[in-house]
Amino acid sequence: MKVFLDSIGCRLNQSEIEAMAAQFRAAGHVVVDSPQGADLVVVNTCAVTSEAASDSRQKIRQAARAGAGEIVATGCWTTLEPQAALRLPGVARAVSNMDKDELVSQVLGLPQADFDLEPLAREPLPGLRQRTRAFIKVQDGCDNHCTFCITRVARGAGRSRTLAEVLGDVERAVQGGALEVVLTGVHLGSWGQDFQPRQHLADLVRGLLTHSSAARLRLSSLEPWDLDESFFQLWQDARLCRHLHLPLQAGSAAVLRRMARKTTPDQFRALVAQARAAVPEVAVTTDLLVGFPGEGEAEFAEGLAFVREMGFAGGHVFAFSPRPGTPAAGYADPVPAPVKKQRSALMRAAVAESAAAYAQSFVGRTVEVLWEVCSALGPEGWRMQGWTDQYVRVSAAAPQPLWNQISSVRLLRAQGETLEGEIVAARQG
């Protein structure tokens, strides 16, 4: 059977799709790069914004138009609106997040134990942008109550996977060829809080650094209130990537209170200072939400000034869109769409400026780059694109494709947030 897998949204969705791909392959099926002619299509949907929900529906419609034999919808939007998913053309099943881990076994009619086999060589999902990094799901669900977020409803209560389970997935990914492992979760920093006795994410990271052979270990998004100064001592192990993604959402204390975020600008500033003191050259990236209900000009200006002060190495800027089922959907004093658009542009420009300054600071240095993108051969050779452990994008020419290899690269110049360099030496893992 030919299977096409598609995903919208977060790294956790990507991790789940990769796990499904491995299970389908273990059962003898072929994962293909297009829904056209596929016997089965699985779409892992997203609902974090109204645009993500719309993209999810569009992906399903595209698969139906391409002639997919059967479509299975899963993920957050499907969990929130299963009947709407089933009404879309070609959709035979709507699988909730709570049942997603058993999706492949249910579709194929096989016991889940049949997939617990010796690791296969890791094959990236087919397509133009093959990922070298392995996304490993370590936690699901969320117990926060941010007033704008529907994910807690769609994903349920927080629940952690054991160190042994995660370690098994990491080692299978490494044995299959992955050089970098990314730990993902809805609320990653809450890992272990549902255990008895309680554990902390630091315990998981320490265990993986001790017992796994991953060349690089990266953490995905971490809520700032889950961390303290002692957490940054983990970076004494150079395999832990010097990158912290800390969602701020707003730089105004009043807006953060209305969002029910468990931090303040002062607390966030102090945490970032601790991280930078403990982990030199750490990249701190963030998420920002503009146009939250009630956000006046003074609050936006306060938030913009705070973002400029922080000097983020990068970030994602979103305009607020009300999500039915969240408290903020009913808040008074909505910000008009043209104002949200203007503020989004100003905030994106501020983040781009600080990201470019961070990238510029590496010019003249030699760094290690894991290559992930290899484009067509040109006069200078193969055009490679990859990332440093701080997740700074680097581009260079190579005499042969170096996909999924790590090279030493001398950085020559910065073009915005991307660094141009020349390869000094390449090595295989």
Protein backbone atom coordinates (compact mmCIF):
# COMPACT_ATOMS: atom_id res chain seq x y z
CA MET A 1 0.00 0.00 0.00
CA LYS A 2 1.20 3.53 -0.84
CA VAL A 3 0.83 5.93 2.11
CA PHE A 4 1.15 9.72 2.05
CA LEU A 5 1.59 11.53 5.37
CA ASP A 6 1.08 15.25 5.83
CA SER A 7 1.32 17.54 8.84
CA ILE A 8 0.40 21.12 9.71
CA GLY A 9 1.70 23.04 12.69
CA CYS A 10 4.11 22.24 15.46
CA ARG A 11 7.14 20.00 15.85
CA LEU A 12 5.07 17.61 17.94
CA ASN A 13 2.85 16.99 14.92
CA GLN A 14 6.00 16.39 12.88
CA SER A 15 7.26 13.92 15.48
CA GLU A 16 3.98 12.00 15.40
CA ILE A 17 3.98 11.82 11.60
CA GLU A 18 7.55 10.47 11.62
CA ALA A 19 6.51 7.79 14.12
CA MET A 20 3.60 6.80 11.89
CA ALA A 21 5.92 6.60 8.88
CA ALA A 22 8.20 4.19 10.74
CA GLN A 23 5.23 2.01 11.70
CA PHE A 24 3.81 1.89 8.17
CA ARG A 25 7.24 0.93 6.83
CA ALA A 26 7.69 -1.72 9.50
CA ALA A 27 4.40 -3.25 8.32
CA GLY A 28 5.73 -3.40 4.75
CA HIS A 29 4.02 -0.34 3.25
CA VAL A 30 5.61 2.43 1.17
CA VAL A 31 5.55 6.08 2.24
CA VAL A 32 5.27 8.30 -0.85
CA ASP A 33 5.87 12.00 -1.49
CA SER A 34 2.46 12.94 -2.93
CA PRO A 35 -1.20 12.18 -2.30
CA GLN A 36 -1.62 11.50 -6.02
CA GLY A 37 -2.12 7.77 -6.43
CA ALA A 38 -1.78 7.09 -2.70
CA ASP A 39 -3.97 4.34 -1.31
CA LEU A 40 -4.05 6.05 2.08
CA VAL A 41 -3.47 9.64 3.22
CA VAL A 42 -3.06 10.69 6.87
CA VAL A 43 -3.32 14.41 7.64
CA ASN A 44 -2.20 15.52 11.11
CA THR A 45 -4.20 18.72 11.57
CA CYS A 46 -3.61 21.85 13.64
CA ALA A 47 -5.93 24.32 15.38
CA VAL A 48 -3.55 26.76 17.05
CA THR A 49 -4.88 29.58 14.85
CA SER A 50 -7.86 29.95 12.52
CA GLU A 51 -5.37 29.98 9.63
CA ALA A 52 -3.89 26.65 10.77
CA ALA A 53 -7.38 25.13 10.94
CA SER A 54 -8.10 26.44 7.44
CA ASP A 55 -4.79 25.04 6.16
CA SER A 56 -5.71 21.68 7.69
CA ARG A 57 -9.01 21.54 5.83
CA GLN A 58 -7.27 22.62 2.62
CA LYS A 59 -4.69 19.82 2.92
CA ILE A 60 -7.51 17.28 3.21
CA ARG A 61 -9.35 18.71 0.19
CA GLN A 62 -6.13 18.69 -1.84
CA ALA A 63 -5.61 15.00 -1.03
CA ALA A 64 -9.16 14.22 -2.12
CA ARG A 65 -8.72 16.12 -5.40
CA ALA A 66 -5.47 14.22 -6.01
CA GLY A 67 -7.40 10.96 -5.97
CA ALA A 68 -6.33 9.50 -2.62
CA GLY A 69 -7.98 6.15 -1.97
CA GLU A 70 -8.80 6.84 1.69
CA ILE A 71 -8.12 9.81 3.98
CA VAL A 72 -7.62 9.67 7.74
CA ALA A 73 -7.82 12.98 9.59
CA THR A 74 -6.22 13.31 13.00
CA GLY A 75 -4.65 16.02 15.17
CA CYS A 76 -5.96 19.04 17.03
CA TRP A 77 -8.51 20.43 14.57
CA THR A 78 -9.90 16.94 14.00
CA THR A 79 -10.17 16.38 17.77
CA LEU A 80 -12.07 19.65 18.23
CA GLU A 81 -14.35 19.19 15.19
CA PRO A 82 -14.54 15.47 14.32
CA GLN A 83 -17.88 15.70 12.53
CA ALA A 84 -16.65 18.56 10.36
CA ALA A 85 -13.60 16.47 9.48
CA LEU A 86 -15.75 13.50 8.51
CA ARG A 87 -17.83 15.72 6.22
CA LEU A 88 -14.80 16.66 4.15
CA PRO A 89 -14.41 14.75 0.85
CA GLY A 90 -12.62 11.43 1.07
CA VAL A 91 -12.33 11.32 4.87
CA ALA A 92 -13.07 7.80 6.10
CA ARG A 93 -11.86 8.20 9.69
CA ALA A 94 -11.42 10.99 12.20
CA VAL A 95 -8.94 9.92 14.89
CA SER A 96 -8.66 12.05 18.03
CA ASN A 97 -5.38 13.01 19.68
CA MET A 98 -6.17 10.59 22.49
CA ASP A 99 -6.20 7.68 20.02
CA LYS A 100 -3.48 8.95 17.68
CA ASP A 101 -0.69 6.73 19.00
CA GLU A 102 -2.74 3.68 17.92
CA LEU A 103 -3.78 5.14 14.56
CA VAL A 104 -1.55 2.92 12.42
CA SER A 105 -2.45 -0.27 14.26
CA GLN A 106 -6.16 0.58 13.99
CA VAL A 107 -5.99 1.39 10.28
CA LEU A 108 -4.02 -1.77 9.48
CA GLY A 109 -5.85 -4.00 11.94
CA LEU A 110 -2.60 -5.09 13.60
CA PRO A 111 -1.67 -5.31 17.28
CA GLN A 112 0.41 -2.34 18.49
CA ALA A 113 3.10 -4.79 19.66
CA ASP A 114 3.82 -5.69 16.03
CA PHE A 115 5.60 -2.35 15.61
CA ASP A 116 8.03 -2.88 18.50
CA LEU A 117 10.66 -4.41 16.24
CA GLU A 118 14.34 -3.90 15.57
CA PRO A 119 14.99 -0.36 14.30
CA LEU A 120 14.88 0.16 10.56
CA ALA A 121 17.31 2.51 8.86
CA ARG A 122 15.79 5.95 9.42
CA GLU A 123 14.24 7.31 6.26
CA PRO A 124 13.17 10.95 6.18
CA LEU A 125 9.69 11.66 4.91
CA PRO A 126 9.91 11.98 1.13
CA GLY A 127 9.64 15.47 -0.35
CA LEU A 128 11.68 18.47 -1.33
CA ARG A 129 12.80 19.30 2.22
CA GLN A 130 14.10 16.16 3.87
CA ARG A 131 14.70 16.54 7.60
CA THR A 132 17.92 15.29 9.11
CA ARG A 133 16.68 15.90 12.63
CA ALA A 134 14.62 13.27 14.44
CA PHE A 135 11.69 14.71 16.40
CA ILE A 136 11.02 12.64 19.51
CA LYS A 137 7.76 13.04 21.42
CA VAL A 138 8.45 12.97 25.15
CA GLN A 139 5.28 14.57 26.50
CA ASP A 140 1.73 15.39 25.42
CA GLY A 141 -1.08 17.55 26.77
CA CYS A 142 -1.01 20.73 28.83
CA ASP A 143 -2.26 21.89 32.24
CA ASN A 144 -1.75 25.61 31.64
CA HIS A 145 -4.74 27.87 31.13
CA CYS A 146 -3.47 30.54 28.73
CA THR A 147 -6.62 32.39 27.74
CA PHE A 148 -5.88 32.47 24.00
CA CYS A 149 -4.85 28.83 23.49
CA ILE A 150 -7.07 25.98 22.32
CA THR A 151 -4.30 23.37 22.42
CA ARG A 152 -5.01 22.40 26.04
CA VAL A 153 -8.56 21.47 25.03
CA ALA A 154 -7.42 19.60 21.93
CA ARG A 155 -4.54 17.71 23.59
CA GLY A 156 -5.93 17.03 27.08
CA ALA A 157 -4.09 16.92 30.40
CA GLY A 158 -0.30 16.75 30.57
CA ARG A 159 1.21 13.28 30.47
CA SER A 160 4.84 12.20 30.19
CA ARG A 161 6.62 9.27 28.59
CA THR A 162 9.20 7.49 30.72
CA LEU A 163 12.93 7.96 30.31
CA ALA A 164 13.21 4.35 29.11
CA GLU A 165 10.59 4.89 26.39
CA VAL A 166 12.21 8.12 25.21
CA LEU A 167 15.69 6.64 25.33
CA GLY A 168 14.52 3.73 23.17
CA ASP A 169 13.16 6.14 20.54
CA VAL A 170 16.32 8.23 20.62
CA GLU A 171 18.60 5.24 20.13
CA ARG A 172 16.46 3.89 17.29
CA ALA A 173 16.70 7.28 15.59
CA VAL A 174 20.47 7.39 16.09
CA GLN A 175 20.92 3.82 14.83
CA GLY A 176 18.83 4.80 11.81
CA GLY A 177 21.24 7.64 11.01
CA ALA A 178 19.91 10.73 12.80
CA LEU A 179 22.65 13.07 14.00
CA GLU A 180 20.37 15.47 15.85
CA VAL A 181 17.47 14.59 18.13
CA VAL A 182 14.83 17.19 19.03
CA LEU A 183 12.73 16.62 22.16
CA THR A 184 9.15 17.79 21.63
CA GLY A 185 5.97 18.12 23.65
CA VAL A 186 2.94 20.36 24.04
CA HIS A 187 4.30 21.55 27.40
CA LEU A 188 7.81 20.13 27.30
CA GLY A 189 8.96 21.77 30.53
CA SER A 190 6.27 19.91 32.49
CA TRP A 191 7.84 16.53 31.71
CA GLY A 192 7.82 14.29 34.79
CA GLN A 193 5.37 16.35 36.85
CA ASP A 194 2.74 13.62 36.49
CA PHE A 195 5.11 10.93 37.82
CA GLN A 196 5.22 9.64 41.39
CA PRO A 197 7.59 10.80 42.69
CA ARG A 198 7.66 13.90 40.51
CA GLN A 199 10.57 14.44 38.18
CA HIS A 200 11.83 17.42 36.18
CA LEU A 201 12.79 17.86 32.55
CA ALA A 202 16.38 18.17 33.73
CA ASP A 203 16.23 14.53 34.86
CA LEU A 204 15.20 13.43 31.37
CA VAL A 205 17.88 15.51 29.63
CA ARG A 206 20.55 14.29 32.04
CA GLY A 207 19.53 10.68 31.45
CA LEU A 208 19.61 11.06 27.68
CA LEU A 209 23.00 12.77 27.71
CA THR A 210 24.35 9.98 29.91
CA HIS A 211 22.88 6.98 28.13
CA SER A 212 22.33 7.96 24.49
CA SER A 213 24.84 8.35 21.69
CA ALA A 214 23.13 11.26 19.92
CA ALA A 215 25.62 13.71 18.42
CA ARG A 216 23.25 16.60 19.12
CA LEU A 217 20.31 16.93 21.49
CA ARG A 218 17.97 19.91 21.05
CA LEU A 219 15.05 21.09 23.18
CA SER A 220 11.96 22.53 21.52
CA SER A 221 9.75 25.20 23.07
CA LEU A 222 10.03 25.70 26.86
CA GLU A 223 7.73 27.81 29.00
CA PRO A 224 9.91 30.23 31.01
CA TRP A 225 8.24 29.49 34.33
CA ASP A 226 9.37 25.85 34.16
CA LEU A 227 13.06 26.77 34.34
CA ASP A 228 15.45 28.05 36.96
CA GLU A 229 19.13 28.95 37.07
CA SER A 230 20.22 25.40 37.89
CA PHE A 231 18.68 24.10 34.64
CA PHE A 232 21.33 25.84 32.58
CA GLN A 233 24.10 23.74 34.12
CA LEU A 234 23.02 20.98 31.72
CA TRP A 235 24.84 22.83 28.94
CA GLN A 236 28.17 21.74 30.38
CA ASP A 237 27.67 18.84 27.94
CA ALA A 238 28.51 20.29 24.52
CA ARG A 239 26.09 17.89 22.76
CA LEU A 240 23.14 19.90 24.13
CA CYS A 241 22.39 22.53 21.49
CA ARG A 242 22.82 26.11 22.64
CA HIS A 243 19.31 27.15 21.71
CA LEU A 244 16.41 28.07 23.99
CA HIS A 245 13.00 28.77 22.53
CA LEU A 246 11.15 30.65 25.27
CA PRO A 247 7.67 31.87 24.25
CA LEU A 248 7.16 35.37 25.64
CA GLN A 249 3.87 36.16 23.81
CA ALA A 250 3.83 39.77 25.08
CA GLY A 251 6.31 42.22 26.55
CA SER A 252 3.63 44.09 28.48
CA ALA A 253 2.90 43.01 32.05
CA ALA A 254 -0.78 43.90 31.73
CA VAL A 255 -1.23 41.92 28.52
CA LEU A 256 0.56 38.91 30.04
CA ARG A 257 -1.89 39.00 32.97
CA ARG A 258 -4.88 38.98 30.59
CA MET A 259 -3.28 36.07 28.75
CA ALA A 260 -2.88 34.21 32.09
CA ARG A 261 0.81 33.70 31.37
CA LYS A 262 2.76 32.69 34.47
CA THR A 263 5.57 35.18 33.96
CA THR A 264 6.26 38.92 33.90
CA PRO A 265 8.69 40.94 31.78
CA ASP A 266 10.97 41.31 34.79
CA GLN A 267 10.99 37.56 35.46
CA PHE A 268 11.57 36.80 31.78
CA ARG A 269 14.43 39.32 31.61
CA ALA A 270 16.09 37.75 34.65
CA LEU A 271 15.77 34.22 33.26
CA VAL A 272 17.32 35.20 29.92
CA ALA A 273 20.19 36.91 31.76
CA GLN A 274 20.82 33.70 33.75
CA ALA A 275 20.80 31.63 30.56
CA ARG A 276 23.22 33.92 28.76
CA ALA A 277 25.56 33.99 31.75
CA ALA A 278 25.62 30.20 32.04
CA VAL A 279 25.61 29.36 28.30
CA PRO A 280 27.75 31.82 26.32
CA GLU A 281 26.41 32.60 22.82
CA VAL A 282 23.14 30.80 23.52
CA ALA A 283 20.45 31.65 20.99
CA VAL A 284 17.22 32.75 22.65
CA THR A 285 14.22 32.71 20.32
CA THR A 286 10.59 33.36 21.11
CA ASP A 287 6.92 33.52 20.09
CA LEU A 288 4.98 36.79 20.14
CA LEU A 289 1.25 37.44 19.89
CA VAL A 290 0.17 40.94 18.88
CA GLY A 291 -3.28 42.51 18.87
CA PHE A 292 -4.57 40.70 21.98
CA PRO A 293 -7.95 42.11 23.07
CA GLY A 294 -7.51 45.34 24.99
CA GLU A 295 -3.94 45.92 23.75
CA GLY A 296 -3.70 49.71 23.50
CA GLU A 297 -0.99 51.77 21.89
CA ALA A 298 0.90 52.17 25.17
CA GLU A 299 0.88 48.43 25.88
CA PHE A 300 2.04 47.60 22.37
CA ALA A 301 4.83 50.19 22.60
CA GLU A 302 5.89 48.71 25.96
CA GLY A 303 5.99 45.23 24.45
CA LEU A 304 7.89 46.36 21.35
CA ALA A 305 10.51 48.11 23.48
CA PHE A 306 10.93 44.98 25.60
CA VAL A 307 11.43 42.78 22.52
CA ARG A 308 14.08 45.16 21.21
CA GLU A 309 15.80 45.11 24.61
CA MET A 310 15.91 41.30 24.70
CA GLY A 311 17.86 40.98 21.44
CA PHE A 312 16.25 37.71 20.39
CA ALA A 313 18.11 35.49 17.92
CA GLY A 314 14.84 34.90 16.08
CA GLY A 315 11.15 34.42 16.67
CA HIS A 316 7.64 33.90 15.34
CA VAL A 317 5.09 36.72 15.36
CA PHE A 318 1.38 35.97 15.20
CA ALA A 319 -1.64 38.25 15.09
CA PHE A 320 -4.31 37.29 17.63
CA SER A 321 -7.25 35.40 16.20
CA PRO A 322 -10.08 34.35 18.54
CA ARG A 323 -10.40 30.60 18.99
CA PRO A 324 -13.91 29.40 19.96
CA GLY A 325 -13.75 27.63 23.31
CA THR A 326 -11.07 29.90 24.79
CA PRO A 327 -11.75 32.72 27.30
CA ALA A 328 -10.07 35.34 25.10
CA ALA A 329 -12.58 34.69 22.31
CA GLY A 330 -15.14 36.56 24.39
CA TYR A 331 -12.94 39.38 25.63
CA ALA A 332 -14.08 42.93 25.01
CA ASP A 333 -12.19 45.66 23.14
CA PRO A 334 -10.87 43.67 20.15
CA VAL A 335 -8.04 45.23 18.17
CA PRO A 336 -9.09 46.13 14.61
CA ALA A 337 -7.57 43.97 11.85
CA PRO A 338 -5.65 46.85 10.16
CA VAL A 339 -4.06 47.74 13.50
CA LYS A 340 -3.08 44.12 14.12
CA LYS A 341 -1.51 43.98 10.67
CA GLN A 342 0.49 47.15 11.31
CA ARG A 343 1.66 45.98 14.72
CA SER A 344 2.62 42.56 13.36
CA ALA A 345 4.83 44.24 10.76
CA LEU A 346 6.54 46.40 13.39
CA MET A 347 7.13 43.42 15.69
CA ARG A 348 8.46 41.24 12.85
CA ALA A 349 10.86 44.02 11.84
CA ALA A 350 12.16 44.27 15.42
CA VAL A 351 12.72 40.50 15.62
CA ALA A 352 14.38 40.41 12.19
CA GLU A 353 16.73 43.23 13.20
CA SER A 354 17.88 41.49 16.37
CA ALA A 355 18.15 38.12 14.56
CA ALA A 356 20.35 39.69 11.89
CA ALA A 357 22.56 41.25 14.57
CA TYR A 358 22.91 37.87 16.29
CA ALA A 359 23.88 36.20 13.00
CA GLN A 360 26.36 38.99 12.21
CA SER A 361 28.19 38.29 15.47
CA PHE A 362 29.40 34.96 14.01
CA VAL A 363 31.03 36.38 10.87
CA GLY A 364 34.71 35.42 10.73
CA ARG A 365 34.21 32.40 12.96
CA THR A 366 34.40 28.68 12.13
CA VAL A 367 31.36 26.68 13.30
CA GLU A 368 29.89 23.19 13.01
CA VAL A 369 26.91 22.92 10.66
CA LEU A 370 24.49 20.02 10.17
CA TRP A 371 23.34 20.09 6.54
CA GLU A 372 19.64 19.57 5.94
CA VAL A 373 18.84 21.07 2.54
CA CYS A 374 20.66 20.26 -0.70
CA SER A 375 19.56 22.14 -3.83
CA ALA A 376 20.41 21.58 -7.47
CA LEU A 377 23.96 21.57 -8.78
CA GLY A 378 25.22 24.96 -9.97
CA PRO A 379 28.47 26.54 -11.17
CA GLU A 380 29.84 26.58 -7.59
CA GLY A 381 28.75 23.02 -6.82
CA TRP A 382 25.87 21.82 -4.69
CA ARG A 383 24.19 24.55 -2.68
CA MET A 384 23.87 23.34 0.91
CA GLN A 385 21.83 24.81 3.74
CA GLY A 386 22.03 23.75 7.36
CA TRP A 387 22.00 24.87 10.95
CA THR A 388 24.49 25.46 13.73
CA ASP A 389 23.69 24.10 17.17
CA GLN A 390 22.29 27.57 18.00
CA TYR A 391 19.91 27.06 15.06
CA VAL A 392 21.47 29.79 12.93
CA ARG A 393 20.97 29.13 9.21
CA VAL A 394 24.16 28.68 7.15
CA SER A 395 24.52 28.39 3.38
CA ALA A 396 27.62 27.14 1.50
CA ALA A 397 28.67 25.46 -1.74
CA ALA A 398 29.94 21.87 -1.68
CA PRO A 399 31.57 19.67 -4.34
CA GLN A 400 29.15 16.85 -3.50
CA PRO A 401 25.86 16.54 -1.57
CA LEU A 402 26.51 16.57 2.18
CA TRP A 403 22.97 15.88 3.37
CA ASN A 404 22.93 14.65 6.99
CA GLN A 405 26.60 15.39 7.53
CA ILE A 406 28.30 17.84 9.86
CA SER A 407 30.91 20.22 8.44
CA SER A 408 33.23 22.84 9.82
CA VAL A 409 32.33 26.06 8.03
CA ARG A 410 34.13 29.39 8.00
CA LEU A 411 31.50 32.14 8.05
CA LEU A 412 32.21 34.92 5.57
CA ARG A 413 29.22 37.23 5.62
CA ALA A 414 25.68 37.64 6.87
CA GLN A 415 22.68 38.20 4.63
CA GLY A 416 19.89 39.01 7.03
CA GLU A 417 19.46 36.01 9.33
CA THR A 418 21.42 33.66 7.02
CA LEU A 419 25.20 33.26 7.10
CA GLU A 420 27.20 32.56 3.97
CA GLY A 421 30.28 30.43 4.48
CA GLU A 422 32.88 28.11 2.99
CA ILE A 423 33.33 24.51 4.04
CA VAL A 424 36.62 23.81 5.78
CA ALA A 425 36.11 20.10 6.51
CA ALA A 426 33.24 17.63 6.39
CA ARG A 427 32.66 14.56 8.52
CA GLN A 428 30.02 11.83 8.65
CA GLY A 429 28.39 12.14 12.05
